[in-house]
Each structure stands twice: as structure tokens, then as C-alpha cells.
N, C-alpha and C. Protein backbone atom coordinates (compact mmCIF):
# COMPACT_ATOMS: atom_id res chain seq x y z
N MET A 1 -19.82 -8.32 -9.91
CA MET A 1 -19.11 -7.09 -9.63
C MET A 1 -18.54 -7.16 -8.22
N PRO A 2 -17.23 -7.02 -8.07
CA PRO A 2 -16.64 -7.11 -6.74
C PRO A 2 -17.01 -5.89 -5.90
N THR A 3 -17.09 -6.13 -4.62
CA THR A 3 -17.38 -5.02 -3.72
C THR A 3 -16.11 -4.21 -3.51
N THR A 4 -16.28 -3.04 -2.93
CA THR A 4 -15.13 -2.18 -2.65
C THR A 4 -14.18 -2.87 -1.68
N ARG A 5 -14.73 -3.56 -0.71
CA ARG A 5 -13.89 -4.25 0.28
C ARG A 5 -13.05 -5.35 -0.39
N GLN A 6 -13.66 -6.10 -1.31
CA GLN A 6 -12.91 -7.14 -2.02
C GLN A 6 -11.82 -6.52 -2.89
N SER A 7 -12.12 -5.41 -3.54
CA SER A 7 -11.14 -4.73 -4.38
C SER A 7 -9.97 -4.22 -3.54
N LEU A 8 -10.26 -3.65 -2.38
CA LEU A 8 -9.19 -3.16 -1.51
C LEU A 8 -8.34 -4.31 -0.98
N LYS A 9 -8.97 -5.44 -0.67
CA LYS A 9 -8.21 -6.60 -0.21
C LYS A 9 -7.27 -7.09 -1.31
N PHE A 10 -7.78 -7.12 -2.54
CA PHE A 10 -6.97 -7.55 -3.67
C PHE A 10 -5.79 -6.59 -3.88
N LEU A 11 -6.04 -5.30 -3.81
CA LEU A 11 -4.98 -4.30 -3.94
C LEU A 11 -3.97 -4.43 -2.80
N PHE A 12 -4.45 -4.69 -1.60
CA PHE A 12 -3.59 -4.87 -0.43
C PHE A 12 -2.67 -6.08 -0.64
N VAL A 13 -3.24 -7.18 -1.12
CA VAL A 13 -2.45 -8.40 -1.36
C VAL A 13 -1.42 -8.16 -2.46
N LEU A 14 -1.82 -7.49 -3.54
CA LEU A 14 -0.88 -7.18 -4.61
C LEU A 14 0.28 -6.33 -4.10
N GLN A 15 -0.03 -5.31 -3.33
CA GLN A 15 1.01 -4.43 -2.77
C GLN A 15 1.96 -5.24 -1.88
N PHE A 16 1.40 -6.11 -1.06
CA PHE A 16 2.23 -6.93 -0.19
C PHE A 16 3.14 -7.85 -1.00
N LEU A 17 2.59 -8.49 -2.03
CA LEU A 17 3.39 -9.41 -2.84
C LEU A 17 4.51 -8.68 -3.58
N PHE A 18 4.21 -7.54 -4.18
CA PHE A 18 5.25 -6.77 -4.87
C PHE A 18 6.32 -6.32 -3.88
N GLY A 19 5.91 -5.78 -2.76
CA GLY A 19 6.87 -5.29 -1.77
C GLY A 19 7.74 -6.39 -1.21
N ALA A 20 7.11 -7.51 -0.84
CA ALA A 20 7.87 -8.62 -0.26
C ALA A 20 8.83 -9.22 -1.28
N THR A 21 8.38 -9.40 -2.50
CA THR A 21 9.24 -9.97 -3.53
C THR A 21 10.43 -9.06 -3.83
N MET A 22 10.14 -7.77 -4.02
CA MET A 22 11.22 -6.83 -4.31
C MET A 22 12.18 -6.71 -3.12
N SER A 23 11.65 -6.71 -1.92
CA SER A 23 12.48 -6.61 -0.73
C SER A 23 13.42 -7.81 -0.62
N LEU A 24 12.89 -9.00 -0.81
CA LEU A 24 13.72 -10.20 -0.74
C LEU A 24 14.78 -10.23 -1.84
N LEU A 25 14.37 -9.88 -3.06
CA LEU A 25 15.33 -9.90 -4.17
C LEU A 25 16.44 -8.87 -3.98
N LEU A 26 16.07 -7.65 -3.63
CA LEU A 26 17.09 -6.62 -3.42
C LEU A 26 17.98 -6.95 -2.23
N GLY A 27 17.39 -7.46 -1.16
CA GLY A 27 18.17 -7.81 0.02
C GLY A 27 19.14 -8.94 -0.25
N PHE A 28 18.73 -9.88 -1.07
CA PHE A 28 19.57 -11.04 -1.35
C PHE A 28 20.65 -10.72 -2.40
N PHE A 29 20.26 -10.05 -3.47
CA PHE A 29 21.18 -9.84 -4.58
C PHE A 29 21.94 -8.52 -4.55
N TRP A 30 21.45 -7.52 -3.81
CA TRP A 30 22.13 -6.23 -3.86
C TRP A 30 22.69 -5.87 -2.49
N ASP A 31 21.80 -5.46 -1.57
CA ASP A 31 22.26 -5.02 -0.26
C ASP A 31 21.14 -5.27 0.75
N LEU A 32 21.50 -5.86 1.87
CA LEU A 32 20.50 -6.18 2.88
C LEU A 32 19.81 -4.93 3.42
N ALA A 33 20.56 -3.84 3.60
CA ALA A 33 19.98 -2.59 4.12
C ALA A 33 18.93 -2.03 3.17
N ILE A 34 19.18 -2.10 1.88
CA ILE A 34 18.20 -1.60 0.90
C ILE A 34 16.98 -2.51 0.90
N GLY A 35 17.18 -3.81 1.01
CA GLY A 35 16.05 -4.73 1.07
C GLY A 35 15.19 -4.49 2.30
N LEU A 36 15.83 -4.29 3.46
CA LEU A 36 15.08 -4.00 4.68
C LEU A 36 14.35 -2.66 4.57
N SER A 37 15.02 -1.67 4.02
CA SER A 37 14.40 -0.35 3.87
C SER A 37 13.23 -0.41 2.91
N LEU A 38 13.35 -1.21 1.86
CA LEU A 38 12.23 -1.39 0.94
C LEU A 38 11.06 -2.04 1.67
N GLY A 39 11.35 -2.99 2.53
CA GLY A 39 10.29 -3.60 3.34
C GLY A 39 9.61 -2.58 4.24
N VAL A 40 10.40 -1.68 4.81
CA VAL A 40 9.83 -0.62 5.66
C VAL A 40 8.92 0.28 4.82
N GLY A 41 9.39 0.66 3.63
CA GLY A 41 8.56 1.50 2.76
C GLY A 41 7.27 0.80 2.37
N THR A 42 7.35 -0.50 2.14
CA THR A 42 6.15 -1.27 1.80
C THR A 42 5.19 -1.31 2.97
N VAL A 43 5.71 -1.52 4.17
CA VAL A 43 4.85 -1.55 5.36
C VAL A 43 4.19 -0.19 5.58
N VAL A 44 4.94 0.88 5.33
CA VAL A 44 4.36 2.23 5.45
C VAL A 44 3.18 2.37 4.49
N MET A 45 3.34 1.93 3.25
CA MET A 45 2.25 2.04 2.28
C MET A 45 1.08 1.12 2.62
N LEU A 46 1.38 -0.08 3.09
CA LEU A 46 0.29 -0.99 3.49
C LEU A 46 -0.50 -0.42 4.67
N THR A 47 0.22 0.15 5.63
CA THR A 47 -0.45 0.76 6.77
C THR A 47 -1.29 1.95 6.33
N ASN A 48 -0.72 2.75 5.44
CA ASN A 48 -1.45 3.91 4.92
C ASN A 48 -2.70 3.46 4.17
N LEU A 49 -2.59 2.41 3.35
CA LEU A 49 -3.75 1.90 2.61
C LEU A 49 -4.82 1.36 3.56
N ALA A 50 -4.39 0.62 4.57
CA ALA A 50 -5.35 0.06 5.52
C ALA A 50 -6.07 1.16 6.30
N LEU A 51 -5.31 2.15 6.76
CA LEU A 51 -5.95 3.25 7.50
C LEU A 51 -6.85 4.08 6.60
N LEU A 52 -6.43 4.29 5.37
CA LEU A 52 -7.27 5.04 4.43
C LEU A 52 -8.57 4.30 4.16
N ALA A 53 -8.51 2.99 3.98
CA ALA A 53 -9.72 2.20 3.76
C ALA A 53 -10.63 2.27 4.98
N TRP A 54 -10.04 2.19 6.17
CA TRP A 54 -10.84 2.24 7.39
C TRP A 54 -11.49 3.62 7.55
N VAL A 55 -10.73 4.67 7.26
CA VAL A 55 -11.26 6.03 7.37
C VAL A 55 -12.42 6.23 6.41
N TRP A 56 -12.26 5.80 5.15
CA TRP A 56 -13.34 5.98 4.18
C TRP A 56 -14.58 5.16 4.56
N TYR A 57 -14.36 3.97 5.10
CA TYR A 57 -15.49 3.17 5.57
C TYR A 57 -16.25 3.93 6.66
N ARG A 58 -15.51 4.52 7.59
CA ARG A 58 -16.16 5.25 8.68
C ARG A 58 -16.87 6.49 8.18
N ILE A 59 -16.27 7.17 7.22
CA ILE A 59 -16.91 8.37 6.67
C ILE A 59 -18.19 7.98 5.93
N LEU A 60 -18.11 6.96 5.10
CA LEU A 60 -19.28 6.56 4.31
C LEU A 60 -20.37 5.94 5.18
N ALA A 61 -19.99 5.31 6.28
CA ALA A 61 -20.97 4.73 7.19
C ALA A 61 -21.51 5.76 8.18
N LYS A 62 -21.01 7.01 8.04
CA LYS A 62 -21.44 8.12 8.90
C LYS A 62 -21.17 7.83 10.37
N LYS A 63 -20.00 7.25 10.61
CA LYS A 63 -19.58 7.01 11.98
C LYS A 63 -19.00 8.31 12.54
N SER A 64 -18.46 8.24 13.72
CA SER A 64 -17.91 9.40 14.38
C SER A 64 -16.82 10.06 13.54
N ILE A 65 -17.08 11.28 13.12
CA ILE A 65 -16.12 12.01 12.31
C ILE A 65 -14.90 12.40 13.14
N ALA A 66 -15.08 12.63 14.43
CA ALA A 66 -13.96 13.04 15.28
C ALA A 66 -12.86 11.98 15.27
N TRP A 67 -13.22 10.71 15.43
CA TRP A 67 -12.23 9.64 15.40
C TRP A 67 -11.56 9.57 14.04
N THR A 68 -12.35 9.71 13.02
CA THR A 68 -11.83 9.63 11.66
C THR A 68 -10.81 10.72 11.41
N LEU A 69 -11.12 11.94 11.80
CA LEU A 69 -10.18 13.04 11.60
C LEU A 69 -8.93 12.87 12.45
N GLN A 70 -9.09 12.33 13.64
CA GLN A 70 -7.92 12.09 14.48
C GLN A 70 -6.98 11.08 13.83
N ILE A 71 -7.54 10.04 13.25
CA ILE A 71 -6.71 9.03 12.58
C ILE A 71 -5.98 9.66 11.40
N ILE A 72 -6.67 10.48 10.63
CA ILE A 72 -6.03 11.12 9.48
C ILE A 72 -4.86 11.99 9.94
N VAL A 73 -5.07 12.79 10.95
CA VAL A 73 -4.02 13.69 11.43
C VAL A 73 -2.89 12.92 12.10
N ILE A 74 -3.23 11.97 12.94
CA ILE A 74 -2.22 11.24 13.70
C ILE A 74 -1.36 10.36 12.80
N LYS A 75 -1.94 9.77 11.76
CA LYS A 75 -1.15 8.86 10.93
C LYS A 75 0.00 9.60 10.25
N TYR A 76 -0.22 10.84 9.85
CA TYR A 76 0.87 11.59 9.22
C TYR A 76 1.93 12.00 10.23
N ALA A 77 1.52 12.30 11.43
CA ALA A 77 2.50 12.63 12.47
C ALA A 77 3.35 11.40 12.81
N VAL A 78 2.72 10.25 12.93
CA VAL A 78 3.46 9.02 13.22
C VAL A 78 4.39 8.67 12.06
N LEU A 79 3.91 8.85 10.84
CA LEU A 79 4.75 8.59 9.68
C LEU A 79 5.98 9.49 9.67
N LEU A 80 5.79 10.75 9.93
CA LEU A 80 6.89 11.71 9.93
C LEU A 80 7.91 11.37 11.02
N VAL A 81 7.44 11.10 12.23
CA VAL A 81 8.35 10.76 13.33
C VAL A 81 9.08 9.45 13.04
N SER A 82 8.37 8.47 12.49
CA SER A 82 9.00 7.19 12.17
C SER A 82 10.10 7.35 11.13
N LEU A 83 9.81 8.09 10.07
CA LEU A 83 10.82 8.30 9.04
C LEU A 83 12.00 9.10 9.57
N PHE A 84 11.73 10.09 10.40
CA PHE A 84 12.81 10.87 10.99
C PHE A 84 13.71 9.98 11.85
N TYR A 85 13.10 9.11 12.65
CA TYR A 85 13.87 8.19 13.48
C TYR A 85 14.69 7.22 12.61
N LEU A 86 14.03 6.65 11.60
CA LEU A 86 14.70 5.66 10.76
C LEU A 86 15.87 6.26 9.98
N MET A 87 15.74 7.50 9.57
CA MET A 87 16.82 8.13 8.80
C MET A 87 18.09 8.29 9.63
N HIS A 88 17.95 8.24 10.93
CA HIS A 88 19.12 8.38 11.79
C HIS A 88 19.69 7.03 12.23
N THR A 89 19.18 5.95 11.69
CA THR A 89 19.75 4.64 11.97
C THR A 89 20.78 4.31 10.90
N SER A 90 21.69 3.42 11.22
CA SER A 90 22.79 3.12 10.29
C SER A 90 22.35 2.24 9.12
N TRP A 91 21.34 1.43 9.29
CA TRP A 91 20.96 0.48 8.26
C TRP A 91 19.91 1.01 7.28
N PHE A 92 19.25 2.11 7.61
CA PHE A 92 18.13 2.60 6.79
C PHE A 92 18.65 3.27 5.52
N SER A 93 18.02 2.94 4.41
CA SER A 93 18.36 3.54 3.12
C SER A 93 17.13 4.24 2.57
N SER A 94 17.23 5.53 2.33
CA SER A 94 16.08 6.26 1.79
C SER A 94 15.73 5.78 0.39
N LEU A 95 16.71 5.32 -0.37
CA LEU A 95 16.44 4.76 -1.70
C LEU A 95 15.56 3.53 -1.58
N GLY A 96 15.90 2.64 -0.68
CA GLY A 96 15.09 1.43 -0.48
C GLY A 96 13.69 1.75 -0.01
N ALA A 97 13.57 2.68 0.94
CA ALA A 97 12.24 3.06 1.43
C ALA A 97 11.42 3.70 0.32
N GLY A 98 12.07 4.51 -0.49
CA GLY A 98 11.37 5.13 -1.63
C GLY A 98 10.88 4.09 -2.62
N LEU A 99 11.70 3.07 -2.86
CA LEU A 99 11.27 1.99 -3.74
C LEU A 99 10.10 1.22 -3.14
N GLY A 100 10.11 1.05 -1.83
CA GLY A 100 9.00 0.37 -1.16
C GLY A 100 7.71 1.15 -1.30
N VAL A 101 7.80 2.46 -1.14
CA VAL A 101 6.61 3.30 -1.31
C VAL A 101 6.17 3.27 -2.78
N ALA A 102 7.13 3.28 -3.70
CA ALA A 102 6.81 3.26 -5.13
C ALA A 102 6.24 1.91 -5.57
N SER A 103 6.49 0.85 -4.81
CA SER A 103 5.95 -0.46 -5.18
C SER A 103 4.42 -0.44 -5.18
N PHE A 104 3.85 0.52 -4.47
CA PHE A 104 2.39 0.66 -4.49
C PHE A 104 1.91 0.95 -5.91
N THR A 105 2.70 1.70 -6.67
CA THR A 105 2.32 2.02 -8.04
C THR A 105 2.22 0.76 -8.88
N LEU A 106 3.15 -0.17 -8.69
CA LEU A 106 3.08 -1.44 -9.43
C LEU A 106 1.83 -2.23 -9.06
N GLY A 107 1.56 -2.30 -7.76
CA GLY A 107 0.35 -3.00 -7.31
C GLY A 107 -0.91 -2.37 -7.87
N ALA A 108 -0.97 -1.04 -7.86
CA ALA A 108 -2.14 -0.34 -8.37
C ALA A 108 -2.28 -0.53 -9.88
N LEU A 109 -1.16 -0.58 -10.60
CA LEU A 109 -1.20 -0.79 -12.04
C LEU A 109 -1.72 -2.18 -12.38
N VAL A 110 -1.21 -3.19 -11.71
CA VAL A 110 -1.69 -4.56 -11.94
C VAL A 110 -3.16 -4.67 -11.55
N PHE A 111 -3.54 -4.04 -10.45
CA PHE A 111 -4.95 -4.03 -10.03
C PHE A 111 -5.83 -3.42 -11.11
N ALA A 112 -5.40 -2.28 -11.67
CA ALA A 112 -6.18 -1.61 -12.72
C ALA A 112 -6.30 -2.49 -13.97
N LEU A 113 -5.21 -3.15 -14.33
CA LEU A 113 -5.26 -4.03 -15.50
C LEU A 113 -6.20 -5.21 -15.27
N CYS A 114 -6.17 -5.79 -14.08
CA CYS A 114 -7.09 -6.90 -13.76
C CYS A 114 -8.54 -6.44 -13.78
N GLU A 115 -8.80 -5.26 -13.22
CA GLU A 115 -10.17 -4.74 -13.23
C GLU A 115 -10.65 -4.45 -14.65
N GLN A 116 -9.75 -3.93 -15.49
CA GLN A 116 -10.12 -3.65 -16.88
C GLN A 116 -10.44 -4.94 -17.61
N ARG A 117 -9.64 -5.96 -17.38
CA ARG A 117 -9.88 -7.26 -18.02
C ARG A 117 -11.22 -7.84 -17.56
N LYS A 118 -11.51 -7.75 -16.27
CA LYS A 118 -12.79 -8.25 -15.76
C LYS A 118 -13.96 -7.50 -16.39
N GLU A 119 -13.81 -6.20 -16.53
CA GLU A 119 -14.87 -5.37 -17.11
C GLU A 119 -15.09 -5.74 -18.58
N LYS A 120 -14.02 -5.95 -19.33
CA LYS A 120 -14.16 -6.34 -20.74
C LYS A 120 -14.84 -7.70 -20.84
N ASN A 121 -14.46 -8.64 -19.97
CA ASN A 121 -15.09 -9.97 -19.98
C ASN A 121 -16.57 -9.87 -19.61
N ARG A 122 -16.88 -9.01 -18.67
CA ARG A 122 -18.29 -8.85 -18.25
C ARG A 122 -19.11 -8.23 -19.38
N ILE A 123 -18.56 -7.23 -20.05
CA ILE A 123 -19.29 -6.59 -21.16
C ILE A 123 -19.42 -7.55 -22.33
N GLY A 124 -18.34 -8.29 -22.63
CA GLY A 124 -18.38 -9.25 -23.74
C GLY A 124 -19.36 -10.37 -23.50
N SER A 125 -19.47 -10.84 -22.26
CA SER A 125 -20.40 -11.95 -21.98
C SER A 125 -21.85 -11.46 -21.92
N SER A 126 -22.08 -10.20 -21.65
CA SER A 126 -23.46 -9.71 -21.58
C SER A 126 -24.03 -9.41 -22.97
N THR A 127 -23.18 -9.29 -23.98
CA THR A 127 -23.68 -9.01 -25.33
C THR A 127 -24.02 -10.28 -26.08
N LEU A 128 -23.67 -11.43 -25.53
CA LEU A 128 -23.96 -12.70 -26.20
C LEU A 128 -25.39 -13.09 -26.12
């Protein structure tokens, strides 16, 4: 049975692979600005996932709640300011960034399918 940390690493890698692949393909075949914006959206989701994992680790380990709450509050403020700044640049595409954020759904779906397959294999091998 994989640990939570291993599962999060696997989800992180899947998200990175989907985002990087989609960013490169869209940037090469459609429009460079959309590809770059998709990369930005992917980085936003990866950062959000990493901070969320760190926050939950700190909460479950009963570490300082003050730091944890500050990270939760600050990350949304930084996200909002970053997106506001990026929307005023000439190369940023909200469609691309939205696709980058949505790429997390693909990573999570593949992760869920892999976990389901592992669970079926584990149950099937234990009944033998």
C-alpha cells in the first residue's frame, strides 16, 4: 500500500507530465502564447498542490497552526495578484491558463484509475 507521500508525488508527476506535454503541443502547433499560458496554469496548480500537501502534513503532524493558516491565506493572495498581473501582459491567454489549471483533472483521473487498478490487483492476489 503506497503512502500518502508517494501518492502525492505520483499525482504531482502526472500533473507535470500532462501540463508540460499539453503546453509544448499547443505552443508548437497552435499558438506560443497559449502554450506559455497553459504552462503558467500548470505551474499554478503544481504550486497549489505542493502547498496543499505541505499544509496538510503540518496540520496532521500538529505543527504550528499559525504558519499553516498564513500559508493558506497568503497563497490565495499571491495567486490573485499573479493572475491580475499576468492578465495585463500582452502574451497571456486566459484560455491557455484555464487549460493548464484543468490539466490537473486529467492527472487526477489517471491517478484514480491507477489506484483502482492497484487495488483490484491487491484484492485479486489476496484471494488466491
